[in-house]
C-alpha atoms as a PDB file:
ATOM      1  CA  UNK A   1     -42.345  26.824 -40.312  1.00  0.00           C
ATOM      2  CA  UNK A   2     -45.481  26.199 -42.492  1.00  0.00           C
ATOM      3  CA  UNK A   3     -43.470  26.383 -45.653  1.00  0.00           C
ATOM      4  CA  UNK A   4     -41.178  23.438 -44.199  1.00  0.00           C
ATOM      5  CA  UNK A   5     -44.163  21.395 -42.988  1.00  0.00           C
ATOM      6  CA  UNK A   6     -45.446  21.500 -46.780  1.00  0.00           C
ATOM      7  CA  UNK A   7     -42.134  20.425 -48.349  1.00  0.00           C
ATOM      8  CA  UNK A   8     -41.672  17.502 -45.641  1.00  0.00           C
ATOM      9  CA  UNK A   9     -45.361  16.263 -46.210  1.00  0.00           C
ATOM     10  CA  UNK A  10     -45.261  16.525 -50.063  1.00  0.00           C
ATOM     11  CA  UNK A  11     -42.223  14.618 -50.084  1.00  0.00           C
ATOM     12  CA  UNK A  12     -43.400  11.983 -47.646  1.00  0.00           C
ATOM     13  CA  UNK A  13     -46.808  11.626 -49.734  1.00  0.00           C
ATOM     14  CA  UNK A  14     -45.142  11.744 -53.199  1.00  0.00           C
ATOM     15  CA  UNK A  15     -42.140   9.829 -52.995  1.00  0.00           C
ATOM     16  CA  UNK A  16     -43.245   7.551 -50.136  1.00  0.00           C
ATOM     17  CA  UNK A  17     -46.302   6.326 -51.887  1.00  0.00           C
ATOM     18  CA  UNK A  18     -43.940   5.147 -54.662  1.00  0.00           C
ATOM     19  CA  UNK A  19     -41.622   3.260 -52.139  1.00  0.00           C
ATOM     20  CA  UNK A  20     -44.370   1.801 -50.414  1.00  0.00           C
ATOM     21  CA  UNK A  21     -45.834   0.621 -53.634  1.00  0.00           C
ATOM     22  CA  UNK A  22     -42.605  -0.880 -54.633  1.00  0.00           C
ATOM     23  CA  UNK A  23     -42.214  -2.511 -51.263  1.00  0.00           C
ATOM     24  CA  UNK A  24     -45.604  -4.254 -51.473  1.00  0.00           C
ATOM     25  CA  UNK A  25     -44.771  -5.270 -54.905  1.00  0.00           C
ATOM     26  CA  UNK A  26     -41.609  -6.743 -54.091  1.00  0.00           C
ATOM     27  CA  UNK A  27     -43.161  -8.445 -50.927  1.00  0.00           C
ATOM     28  CA  UNK A  28     -45.399 -10.608 -52.612  1.00  0.00           C
ATOM     29  CA  UNK A  29     -47.619  -8.572 -55.428  1.00  0.00           C
ATOM     30  CA  UNK A  30     -44.789  -9.365 -58.137  1.00  0.00           C
ATOM     31  CA  UNK A  31     -45.319 -12.041 -61.111  1.00  0.00           C
ATOM     32  CA  UNK A  32     -41.371 -12.742 -61.195  1.00  0.00           C
ATOM     33  CA  UNK A  33     -41.349 -14.871 -58.002  1.00  0.00           C
ATOM     34  CA  UNK A  34     -44.294 -17.357 -58.540  1.00  0.00           C
ATOM     35  CA  UNK A  35     -46.541 -14.704 -57.155  1.00  0.00           C
ATOM     36  CA  UNK A  36     -49.401 -12.848 -59.015  1.00  0.00           C
ATOM     37  CA  UNK A  37     -49.075 -13.518 -63.203  1.00  0.00           C
ATOM     38  CA  UNK A  38     -48.381 -10.794 -65.231  1.00  0.00           C
ATOM     39  CA  UNK A  39     -51.840 -10.373 -67.111  1.00  0.00           C
ATOM     40  CA  UNK A  40     -53.185  -9.956 -63.502  1.00  0.00           C
ATOM     41  CA  UNK A  41     -50.751  -7.299 -62.866  1.00  0.00           C
ATOM     42  CA  UNK A  42     -51.633  -5.570 -66.024  1.00  0.00           C
ATOM     43  CA  UNK A  43     -55.557  -5.984 -64.970  1.00  0.00           C
ATOM     44  CA  UNK A  44     -54.670  -4.522 -61.842  1.00  0.00           C
ATOM     45  CA  UNK A  45     -53.004  -1.524 -63.175  1.00  0.00           C
ATOM     46  CA  UNK A  46     -55.719  -0.863 -65.854  1.00  0.00           C
ATOM     47  CA  UNK A  47     -58.115  -0.730 -63.197  1.00  0.00           C
ATOM     48  CA  UNK A  48     -56.278   1.351 -60.845  1.00  0.00           C
ATOM     49  CA  UNK A  49     -55.369   3.964 -63.760  1.00  0.00           C
ATOM     50  CA  UNK A  50     -58.943   4.131 -64.951  1.00  0.00           C
ATOM     51  CA  UNK A  51     -60.441   4.446 -61.349  1.00  0.00           C
ATOM     52  CA  UNK A  52     -57.792   7.185 -60.639  1.00  0.00           C
ATOM     53  CA  UNK A  53     -59.178   9.044 -63.620  1.00  0.00           C
ATOM     54  CA  UNK A  54     -63.066   8.346 -63.447  1.00  0.00           C
ATOM     55  CA  UNK A  55     -63.189   7.916 -59.626  1.00  0.00           C
ATOM     56  CA  UNK A  56     -61.071  10.751 -58.343  1.00  0.00           C
ATOM     57  CA  UNK A  57     -59.424  13.248 -60.728  1.00  0.00           C
ATOM     58  CA  UNK A  58     -62.565  14.079 -62.948  1.00  0.00           C
ATOM     59  CA  UNK A  59     -65.009  14.351 -60.133  1.00  0.00           C
ATOM     60  CA  UNK A  60     -62.682  16.647 -58.429  1.00  0.00           C
ATOM     61  CA  UNK A  61     -61.832  18.746 -61.469  1.00  0.00           C
ATOM     62  CA  UNK A  62     -65.941  19.095 -61.881  1.00  0.00           C
ATOM     63  CA  UNK A  63     -66.116  20.332 -58.617  1.00  0.00           C
ATOM     64  CA  UNK A  64     -64.472  23.516 -59.349  1.00  0.00           C
ATOM     65  CA  UNK A  65     -65.691  26.560 -61.102  1.00  0.00           C
ATOM     66  CA  UNK A  66     -64.455  25.886 -64.638  1.00  0.00           C
ATOM     67  CA  UNK A  67     -67.413  24.822 -66.864  1.00  0.00           C
ATOM     68  CA  UNK A  68     -67.887  21.385 -68.172  1.00  0.00           C
ATOM     69  CA  UNK A  69     -67.235  22.314 -71.939  1.00  0.00           C
ATOM     70  CA  UNK A  70     -63.966  23.416 -71.218  1.00  0.00           C
ATOM     71  CA  UNK A  71     -62.699  20.339 -69.040  1.00  0.00           C
ATOM     72  CA  UNK A  72     -63.964  17.982 -71.784  1.00  0.00           C
ATOM     73  CA  UNK A  73     -62.178  19.911 -74.475  1.00  0.00           C
ATOM     74  CA  UNK A  74     -59.147  19.856 -72.198  1.00  0.00           C
ATOM     75  CA  UNK A  75     -59.855  16.054 -71.887  1.00  0.00           C
ATOM     76  CA  UNK A  76     -59.932  15.521 -75.551  1.00  0.00           C
ATOM     77  CA  UNK A  77     -56.786  17.509 -76.096  1.00  0.00           C
ATOM     78  CA  UNK A  78     -55.029  15.660 -73.507  1.00  0.00           C
ATOM     79  CA  UNK A  79     -55.887  12.331 -75.016  1.00  0.00           C
ATOM     80  CA  UNK A  80     -54.970  13.339 -78.633  1.00  0.00           C
ATOM     81  CA  UNK A  81     -51.605  14.859 -77.071  1.00  0.00           C
ATOM     82  CA  UNK A  82     -50.685  11.821 -75.422  1.00  0.00           C
ATOM     83  CA  UNK A  83     -51.515   9.799 -78.302  1.00  0.00           C
ATOM     84  CA  UNK A  84     -48.970  12.167 -80.441  1.00  0.00           C
ATOM     85  CA  UNK A  85     -46.317  11.739 -77.695  1.00  0.00           C
ATOM     86  CA  UNK A  86     -46.474   7.941 -77.953  1.00  0.00           C
ATOM     87  CA  UNK A  87     -46.245   8.126 -81.706  1.00  0.00           C
ATOM     88  CA  UNK A  88     -43.119  10.556 -81.217  1.00  0.00           C
ATOM     89  CA  UNK A  89     -41.618   8.126 -78.919  1.00  0.00           C
ATOM     90  CA  UNK A  90     -42.034   5.149 -81.190  1.00  0.00           C
ATOM     91  CA  UNK A  91     -40.585   6.916 -83.956  1.00  0.00           C
ATOM     92  CA  UNK A  92     -37.746   8.272 -82.442  1.00  0.00           C
ATOM     93  CA  UNK A  93     -37.028   4.340 -81.286  1.00  0.00           C
ATOM     94  CA  UNK A  94     -37.395   3.371 -84.998  1.00  0.00           C
ATOM     95  CA  UNK A  95     -35.167   5.828 -85.939  1.00  0.00           C
ATOM     96  CA  UNK A  96     -32.396   5.027 -83.623  1.00  0.00           C
ATOM     97  CA  UNK A  97     -32.669   1.161 -84.553  1.00  0.00           C
ATOM     98  CA  UNK A  98     -32.696   2.471 -88.465  1.00  0.00           C
ATOM     99  CA  UNK A  99     -29.372   3.903 -87.972  1.00  0.00           C
ATOM    100  CA  UNK A 100     -28.167   1.198 -86.101  1.00  0.00           C
ATOM    101  CA  UNK A 101     -29.473  -1.488 -88.784  1.00  0.00           C
ATOM    102  CA  UNK A 102     -27.580   0.680 -91.398  1.00  0.00           C
ATOM    103  CA  UNK A 103     -24.419   0.678 -90.242  1.00  0.00           C
ATOM    104  CA  UNK A 104     -24.647  -3.319 -89.312  1.00  0.00           C
ATOM    105  CA  UNK A 105     -26.220  -3.915 -92.707  1.00  0.00           C
ATOM    106  CA  UNK A 106     -23.110  -2.559 -94.190  1.00  0.00           C
ATOM    107  CA  UNK A 107     -20.783  -4.064 -92.142  1.00  0.00           C
ATOM    108  CA  UNK A 108     -21.979  -7.408 -93.044  1.00  0.00           C
ATOM    109  CA  UNK A 109     -22.250  -6.771 -96.476  1.00  0.00           C
ATOM    110  CA  UNK A 110     -18.726  -5.646 -96.588  1.00  0.00           C
ATOM    111  CA  UNK A 111     -17.936  -8.895 -94.480  1.00  0.00           C
ATOM    112  CA  UNK A 112     -19.638 -11.120 -96.918  1.00  0.00           C
ATOM    113  CA  UNK A 113     -17.604  -9.280 -99.914  1.00  0.00           C
ATOM    114  CA  UNK A 114     -14.462 -10.038 -98.047  1.00  0.00           C
ATOM    115  CA  UNK A 115     -15.227 -13.613 -97.397  1.00  0.00           C
ATOM    116  CA  UNK A 116     -16.490 -13.870-101.243  1.00  0.00           C
ATOM    117  CA  UNK A 117     -12.784 -12.750-102.114  1.00  0.00           C
ATOM    118  CA  UNK A 118     -11.190 -15.125 -99.713  1.00  0.00           C
ATOM    119  CA  UNK A 119     -13.327 -17.754-100.917  1.00  0.00           C
ATOM    120  CA  UNK A 120     -12.078 -17.577-104.313  1.00  0.00           C
ATOM    121  CA  UNK A 121      -8.640 -17.336-103.237  1.00  0.00           C
ATOM    122  CA  UNK A 122      -8.615 -20.686-101.745  1.00  0.00           C
ATOM    123  CA  UNK A 123     -10.621 -22.822-103.985  1.00  0.00           C
ATOM    124  CA  UNK A 124     -13.954 -24.313-104.434  1.00  0.00           C
ATOM    125  CA  UNK A 125     -13.847 -26.852-101.695  1.00  0.00           C
ATOM    126  CA  UNK A 126     -13.843 -23.784 -98.979  1.00  0.00           C
ATOM    127  CA  UNK A 127     -16.673 -22.154-100.952  1.00  0.00           C
ATOM    128  CA  UNK A 128     -19.105 -24.757-100.580  1.00  0.00           C
ATOM    129  CA  UNK A 129     -18.382 -24.874 -96.801  1.00  0.00           C
ATOM    130  CA  UNK A 130     -19.083 -20.971 -96.596  1.00  0.00           C
ATOM    131  CA  UNK A 131     -21.178 -19.800 -99.367  1.00  0.00           C
ATOM    132  CA  UNK A 132     -21.450 -16.047 -99.330  1.00  0.00           C
ATOM    133  CA  UNK A 133     -25.182 -15.904-100.223  1.00  0.00           C
ATOM    134  CA  UNK A 134     -25.959 -17.136 -96.828  1.00  0.00           C
ATOM    135  CA  UNK A 135     -24.292 -14.140 -95.259  1.00  0.00           C
ATOM    136  CA  UNK A 136     -26.485 -11.891 -97.816  1.00  0.00           C
ATOM    137  CA  UNK A 137     -29.301 -13.853 -96.433  1.00  0.00           C
ATOM    138  CA  UNK A 138     -28.330 -13.276 -92.990  1.00  0.00           C
ATOM    139  CA  UNK A 139     -27.883  -9.711 -93.535  1.00  0.00           C
ATOM    140  CA  UNK A 140     -31.327  -9.522 -94.915  1.00  0.00           C
ATOM    141  CA  UNK A 141     -33.018 -11.435 -92.045  1.00  0.00           C
ATOM    142  CA  UNK A 142     -31.094  -9.043 -89.736  1.00  0.00           C
ATOM    143  CA  UNK A 143     -32.351  -5.820 -91.496  1.00  0.00           C
ATOM    144  CA  UNK A 144     -35.981  -7.214 -91.469  1.00  0.00           C
ATOM    145  CA  UNK A 145     -35.823  -7.938 -87.974  1.00  0.00           C
ATOM    146  CA  UNK A 146     -34.713  -4.379 -86.807  1.00  0.00           C
ATOM    147  CA  UNK A 147     -36.809  -2.604 -89.261  1.00  0.00           C
ATOM    148  CA  UNK A 148     -40.201  -4.082 -87.400  1.00  0.00           C
ATOM    149  CA  UNK A 149     -42.008  -1.778 -85.010  1.00  0.00           C
ATOM    150  CA  UNK A 150     -41.441  -2.374 -81.628  1.00  0.00           C
ATOM    151  CA  UNK A 151     -43.927  -4.062 -79.681  1.00  0.00           C
ATOM    152  CA  UNK A 152     -46.967  -2.450 -77.610  1.00  0.00           C
ATOM    153  CA  UNK A 153     -44.696  -2.679 -74.348  1.00  0.00           C
ATOM    154  CA  UNK A 154     -42.732   0.304 -75.505  1.00  0.00           C
ATOM    155  CA  UNK A 155     -45.780   2.470 -75.295  1.00  0.00           C
ATOM    156  CA  UNK A 156     -47.140   4.471 -72.591  1.00  0.00           C
ATOM    157  CA  UNK A 157     -43.931   5.154 -70.810  1.00  0.00           C
ATOM    158  CA  UNK A 158     -43.437   8.782 -71.421  1.00  0.00           C
ATOM    159  CA  UNK A 159     -47.582   9.448 -71.436  1.00  0.00           C
ATOM    160  CA  UNK A 160     -47.602   7.847 -67.942  1.00  0.00           C
ATOM    161  CA  UNK A 161     -44.606   9.708 -66.700  1.00  0.00           C
ATOM    162  CA  UNK A 162     -46.102  13.363 -67.944  1.00  0.00           C
ATOM    163  CA  UNK A 163     -49.450  12.769 -66.793  1.00  0.00           C
ATOM    164  CA  UNK A 164     -48.309  11.227 -63.515  1.00  0.00           C
ATOM    165  CA  UNK A 165     -46.142  14.655 -62.913  1.00  0.00           C
ATOM    166  CA  UNK A 166     -48.965  16.518 -63.485  1.00  0.00           C
ATOM    167  CA  UNK A 167     -51.208  14.768 -61.164  1.00  0.00           C
ATOM    168  CA  UNK A 168     -48.550  14.866 -58.393  1.00  0.00           C
ATOM    169  CA  UNK A 169     -48.007  18.760 -58.943  1.00  0.00           C
ATOM    170  CA  UNK A 170     -51.614  18.969 -58.392  1.00  0.00           C
ATOM    171  CA  UNK A 171     -51.629  16.858 -55.188  1.00  0.00           C
ATOM    172  CA  UNK A 172     -48.813  19.172 -54.035  1.00  0.00           C
ATOM    173  CA  UNK A 173     -51.082  22.245 -54.185  1.00  0.00           C
ATOM    174  CA  UNK A 174     -53.986  20.398 -52.571  1.00  0.00           C
ATOM    175  CA  UNK A 175     -51.781  19.724 -49.602  1.00  0.00           C
ATOM    176  CA  UNK A 176     -50.053  23.293 -49.620  1.00  0.00           C
ATOM    177  CA  UNK A 177     -53.688  24.673 -49.659  1.00  0.00           C
ATOM    178  CA  UNK A 178     -54.958  22.566 -46.698  1.00  0.00           C
ATOM    179  CA  UNK A 179     -51.662  23.563 -44.661  1.00  0.00           C
ATOM    180  CA  UNK A 180     -52.332  27.061 -45.186  1.00  0.00           C
ATOM    181  CA  UNK A 181     -55.965  26.395 -44.052  1.00  0.00           C
ATOM    182  CA  UNK A 182     -54.951  24.334 -40.992  1.00  0.00           C
ATOM    183  CA  UNK A 183     -51.525  22.521 -40.423  1.00  0.00           C
ATOM    184  CA  UNK A 184     -53.569  19.552 -38.651  1.00  0.00           C
ATOM    185  CA  UNK A 185     -55.531  19.297 -41.784  1.00  0.00           C
ATOM    186  CA  UNK A 186     -52.618  19.630 -44.115  1.00  0.00           C
ATOM    187  CA  UNK A 187     -50.820  16.571 -42.344  1.00  0.00           C
ATOM    188  CA  UNK A 188     -54.101  14.441 -43.064  1.00  0.00           C
ATOM    189  CA  UNK A 189     -54.294  15.705 -46.607  1.00  0.00           C
ATOM    190  CA  UNK A 190     -50.893  14.426 -47.050  1.00  0.00           C
ATOM    191  CA  UNK A 191     -51.624  11.001 -45.375  1.00  0.00           C
ATOM    192  CA  UNK A 192     -54.883  10.766 -47.401  1.00  0.00           C
ATOM    193  CA  UNK A 193     -52.727  11.361 -50.668  1.00  0.00           C
ATOM    194  CA  UNK A 194     -50.310   8.999 -49.683  1.00  0.00           C
ATOM    195  CA  UNK A 195     -52.963   6.312 -49.001  1.00  0.00           C
ATOM    196  CA  UNK A 196     -54.572   6.797 -52.535  1.00  0.00           C
ATOM    197  CA  UNK A 197     -51.459   7.106 -54.604  1.00  0.00           C
ATOM    198  CA  UNK A 198     -50.225   3.524 -53.376  1.00  0.00           C
ATOM    199  CA  UNK A 199     -52.452   1.343 -55.733  1.00  0.00           C
ATOM    200  CA  UNK A 200     -52.176   3.864 -58.695  1.00  0.00           C
ATOM    201  CA  UNK A 201     -48.272   3.772 -58.355  1.00  0.00           C
ATOM    202  CA  UNK A 202     -48.291   0.179 -58.255  1.00  0.00           C
ATOM    203  CA  UNK A 203     -49.918   0.489 -61.735  1.00  0.00           C
ATOM    204  CA  UNK A 204     -47.463   2.749 -62.972  1.00  0.00           C
ATOM    205  CA  UNK A 205     -44.492   0.368 -61.881  1.00  0.00           C
ATOM    206  CA  UNK A 206     -46.293  -2.422 -63.945  1.00  0.00           C
ATOM    207  CA  UNK A 207     -46.258  -0.212 -66.999  1.00  0.00           C
ATOM    208  CA  UNK A 208     -42.961   1.043 -66.755  1.00  0.00           C
ATOM    209  CA  UNK A 209     -41.130  -2.218 -65.950  1.00  0.00           C
ATOM    210  CA  UNK A 210     -42.845  -3.654 -68.909  1.00  0.00           C
ATOM    211  CA  UNK A 211     -41.462  -0.946 -71.139  1.00  0.00           C
ATOM    212  CA  UNK A 212     -37.943  -0.631 -69.902  1.00  0.00           C
ATOM    213  CA  UNK A 213     -37.577  -4.201 -68.289  1.00  0.00           C
ATOM    214  CA  UNK A 214     -35.435  -2.403 -65.709  1.00  0.00           C
ATOM    215  CA  UNK A 215     -36.873  -2.157 -61.884  1.00  0.00           C
ATOM    216  CA  UNK A 216     -34.338   0.207 -60.891  1.00  0.00           C
ATOM    217  CA  UNK A 217     -34.824   2.845 -63.716  1.00  0.00           C
ATOM    218  CA  UNK A 218     -38.744   2.270 -63.441  1.00  0.00           C
ATOM    219  CA  UNK A 219     -38.547   3.091 -59.773  1.00  0.00           C
ATOM    220  CA  UNK A 220     -36.274   5.903 -60.546  1.00  0.00           C
ATOM    221  CA  UNK A 221     -38.560   7.482 -62.832  1.00  0.00           C
ATOM    222  CA  UNK A 222     -41.870   6.965 -60.562  1.00  0.00           C
ATOM    223  CA  UNK A 223     -39.858   8.475 -57.832  1.00  0.00           C
ATOM    224  CA  UNK A 224     -38.991  11.482 -60.028  1.00  0.00           C
ATOM    225  CA  UNK A 225     -42.803  11.854 -60.955  1.00  0.00           C
ATOM    226  CA  UNK A 226     -43.580  11.730 -57.318  1.00  0.00           C
ATOM    227  CA  UNK A 227     -41.040  14.432 -56.228  1.00  0.00           C
ATOM    228  CA  UNK A 228     -43.044  16.810 -58.639  1.00  0.00           C
ATOM    229  CA  UNK A 229     -45.387  16.776 -55.502  1.00  0.00           C
ATOM    230  CA  UNK A 230     -43.149  18.987 -53.627  1.00  0.00           C
ATOM    231  CA  UNK A 231     -43.087  21.530 -56.594  1.00  0.00           C
ATOM    232  CA  UNK A 232     -46.802  21.701 -56.460  1.00  0.00           C
ATOM    233  CA  UNK A 233     -46.259  21.996 -52.618  1.00  0.00           C
ATOM    234  CA  UNK A 234     -43.987  25.113 -53.213  1.00  0.00           C
ATOM    235  CA  UNK A 235     -45.986  26.773 -55.812  1.00  0.00           C
ATOM    236  CA  UNK A 236     -49.059  26.489 -53.843  1.00  0.00           C
ATOM    237  CA  UNK A 237     -48.027  27.961 -51.134  1.00  0.00           C
ATOM    238  CA  UNK A 238     -46.649  31.157 -52.528  1.00  0.00           C
ATOM    239  CA  UNK A 239     -49.775  31.132 -55.413  1.00  0.00           C
ATOM    240  CA  UNK A 240     -52.242  29.129 -53.913  1.00  0.00           C
ATOM    241  CA  UNK A 241     -55.252  31.667 -54.944  1.00  0.00           C
ATOM    242  CA  UNK A 242     -53.850  32.330 -58.228  1.00  0.00           C
ATOM    243  CA  UNK A 243     -53.661  28.496 -59.101  1.00  0.00           C
ATOM    244  CA  UNK A 244     -56.966  27.766 -57.592  1.00  0.00           C
ATOM    245  CA  UNK A 245     -58.980  28.447 -60.923  1.00  0.00           C
ATOM    246  CA  UNK A 246     -56.351  26.496 -63.085  1.00  0.00           C
ATOM    247  CA  UNK A 247     -56.524  23.465 -60.879  1.00  0.00           C
ATOM    248  CA  UNK A 248     -59.371  21.549 -62.438  1.00  0.00           C
ATOM    249  CA  UNK A 249     -57.557  21.755 -65.695  1.00  0.00           C
ATOM    250  CA  UNK A 250     -54.446  19.845 -64.234  1.00  0.00           C
ATOM    251  CA  UNK A 251     -56.427  17.426 -62.838  1.00  0.00           C
ATOM    252  CA  UNK A 252     -58.313  16.804 -66.238  1.00  0.00           C
ATOM    253  CA  UNK A 253     -54.643  16.848 -68.092  1.00  0.00           C
ATOM    254  CA  UNK A 254     -53.744  14.119 -65.692  1.00  0.00           C
ATOM    255  CA  UNK A 255     -56.786  12.407 -66.150  1.00  0.00           C
ATOM    256  CA  UNK A 256     -56.447  12.309 -70.157  1.00  0.00           C
ATOM    257  CA  UNK A 257     -53.087  10.475 -69.525  1.00  0.00           C
ATOM    258  CA  UNK A 258     -54.290   7.892 -67.197  1.00  0.00           C
ATOM    259  CA  UNK A 259     -57.241   7.056 -69.507  1.00  0.00           C
ATOM    260  CA  UNK A 260     -55.097   7.041 -72.538  1.00  0.00           C
ATOM    261  CA  UNK A 261     -52.637   4.735 -71.005  1.00  0.00           C
ATOM    262  CA  UNK A 262     -55.249   2.317 -69.764  1.00  0.00           C
ATOM    263  CA  UNK A 263     -57.282   2.048 -72.979  1.00  0.00           C
ATOM    264  CA  UNK A 264     -54.627   2.254 -75.552  1.00  0.00           C
ATOM    265  CA  UNK A 265     -51.441   0.209 -74.187  1.00  0.00           C
ATOM    266  CA  UNK A 266     -52.790  -2.142 -70.881  1.00  0.00           C
ATOM    267  CA  UNK A 267     -56.442  -2.992 -72.058  1.00  0.00           C
ATOM    268  CA  UNK A 268     -55.481  -4.268 -75.802  1.00  0.00           C
ATOM    269  CA  UNK A 269     -52.984  -6.647 -74.210  1.00  0.00           C
ATOM    270  CA  UNK A 270     -55.663  -8.109 -72.066  1.00  0.00           C
ATOM    271  CA  UNK A 271     -58.171  -8.630 -75.170  1.00  0.00           C
ATOM    272  CA  UNK A 272     -56.831 -12.249 -75.881  1.00  0.00           C
ATOM    273  CA  UNK A 273     -58.853 -15.606 -76.062  1.00  0.00           C
ATOM    274  CA  UNK A 274     -58.563 -17.369 -72.830  1.00  0.00           C
ATOM    275  CA  UNK A 275     -60.324 -19.761 -70.809  1.00  0.00           C
ATOM    276  CA  UNK A 276     -63.299 -18.939 -68.464  1.00  0.00           C
ATOM    277  CA  UNK A 277     -61.298 -19.298 -65.494  1.00  0.00           C
ATOM    278  CA  UNK A 278     -58.651 -16.777 -66.832  1.00  0.00           C
ATOM    279  CA  UNK A 279     -61.102 -14.479 -68.194  1.00  0.00           C
ATOM    280  CA  UNK A 280     -62.835 -14.520 -64.798  1.00  0.00           C
ATOM    281  CA  UNK A 281     -59.069 -13.914 -63.013  1.00  0.00           C
ATOM    282  CA  UNK A 282     -58.554 -10.951 -65.440  1.00  0.00           C
ATOM    283  CA  UNK A 283     -62.055  -9.202 -64.145  1.00  0.00           C
ATOM    284  CA  UNK A 284     -61.409  -9.882 -60.920  1.00  0.00           C
ATOM    285  CA  UNK A 285     -58.005  -8.089 -60.642  1.00  0.00           C
ATOM    286  CA  UNK A 286     -59.398  -5.273 -62.851  1.00  0.00           C
ATOM    287  CA  UNK A 287     -62.282  -5.028 -60.297  1.00  0.00           C
ATOM    288  CA  UNK A 288     -59.665  -4.906 -57.497  1.00  0.00           C
ATOM    289  CA  UNK A 289     -57.632  -2.069 -59.015  1.00  0.00           C
ATOM    290  CA  UNK A 290     -60.786  -0.144 -59.325  1.00  0.00           C
ATOM    291  CA  UNK A 291     -61.936  -0.938 -55.923  1.00  0.00           C
ATOM    292  CA  UNK A 292     -58.848  -0.060 -54.131  1.00  0.00           C
ATOM    293  CA  UNK A 293     -58.402   3.353 -55.647  1.00  0.00           C
ATOM    294  CA  UNK A 294     -61.968   4.188 -55.272  1.00  0.00           C
ATOM    295  CA  UNK A 295     -62.046   3.084 -51.623  1.00  0.00           C
ATOM    296  CA  UNK A 296     -58.666   5.086 -50.835  1.00  0.00           C
ATOM    297  CA  UNK A 297     -60.062   8.065 -52.743  1.00  0.00           C
ATOM    298  CA  UNK A 298     -63.222   7.875 -50.511  1.00  0.00           C
ATOM    299  CA  UNK A 299     -61.186   8.028 -47.543  1.00  0.00           C
ATOM    300  CA  UNK A 300     -59.583  11.111 -48.872  1.00  0.00           C
ATOM    301  CA  UNK A 301     -62.814  12.964 -49.826  1.00  0.00           C
ATOM    302  CA  UNK A 302     -64.044  11.750 -46.491  1.00  0.00           C
ATOM    303  CA  UNK A 303     -61.108  13.631 -44.280  1.00  0.00           C
END
């Protein structure tokens, strides 16, 4: 009976928080319907991710038995790991475009050569109408466009999903531990996790919608990461005592992901020359993201 309660509670907390976040964004917190500006959503996401790492995960990690030196080393390794993961993602994206371009480039040059032969066969008048060097210039421009590095909107996707999954796994272990101690405490813990995950998942959805431009895909990815909460609950139920010593490291790895995405992907896009009013709006939404997560995290710790 306890195991069934853990599974239901972790699925509700993990996936339910994602769908509540998506509903709130669709209801009004959405830049695509005349609501909040896209820069404001980026600011909100950055604040939520930083607050989740610094005001919720890291303090909880340092409350464990692990040494501060080991946790800071884990944080450093995590940031470097997600940097390399981002590099691999960008390299893979550029590699795919490079192969696609080679095929297109050869095809265009072949078409240009065929067109040149066609022009020579039909006289100089048509040659002036369709000069072959224009097609070669088009092919060169096409090549240049495809070999450019992808924009910053492509970064942060897998790093965020990986860190989010680790975070959700840790949440599942926490919920399972509470249920093992007292089912009522487990229920309250699940509701607290759901509440403090909502603003964080809003930030996740903002980042992934920028990366893929596909709202359903972004929602599916974050929902899958949220479903890892149930996996954490299952593992926690059977191995709660053995995993207790590793939980601080899980929390620190998740923190390193959120810190990296906020500082390497979101904050740089906010560093633009703006008017005083626009700058104040950015600061307001950044602060709002911090306040929301800090408040929800405080409620969770209070429970």
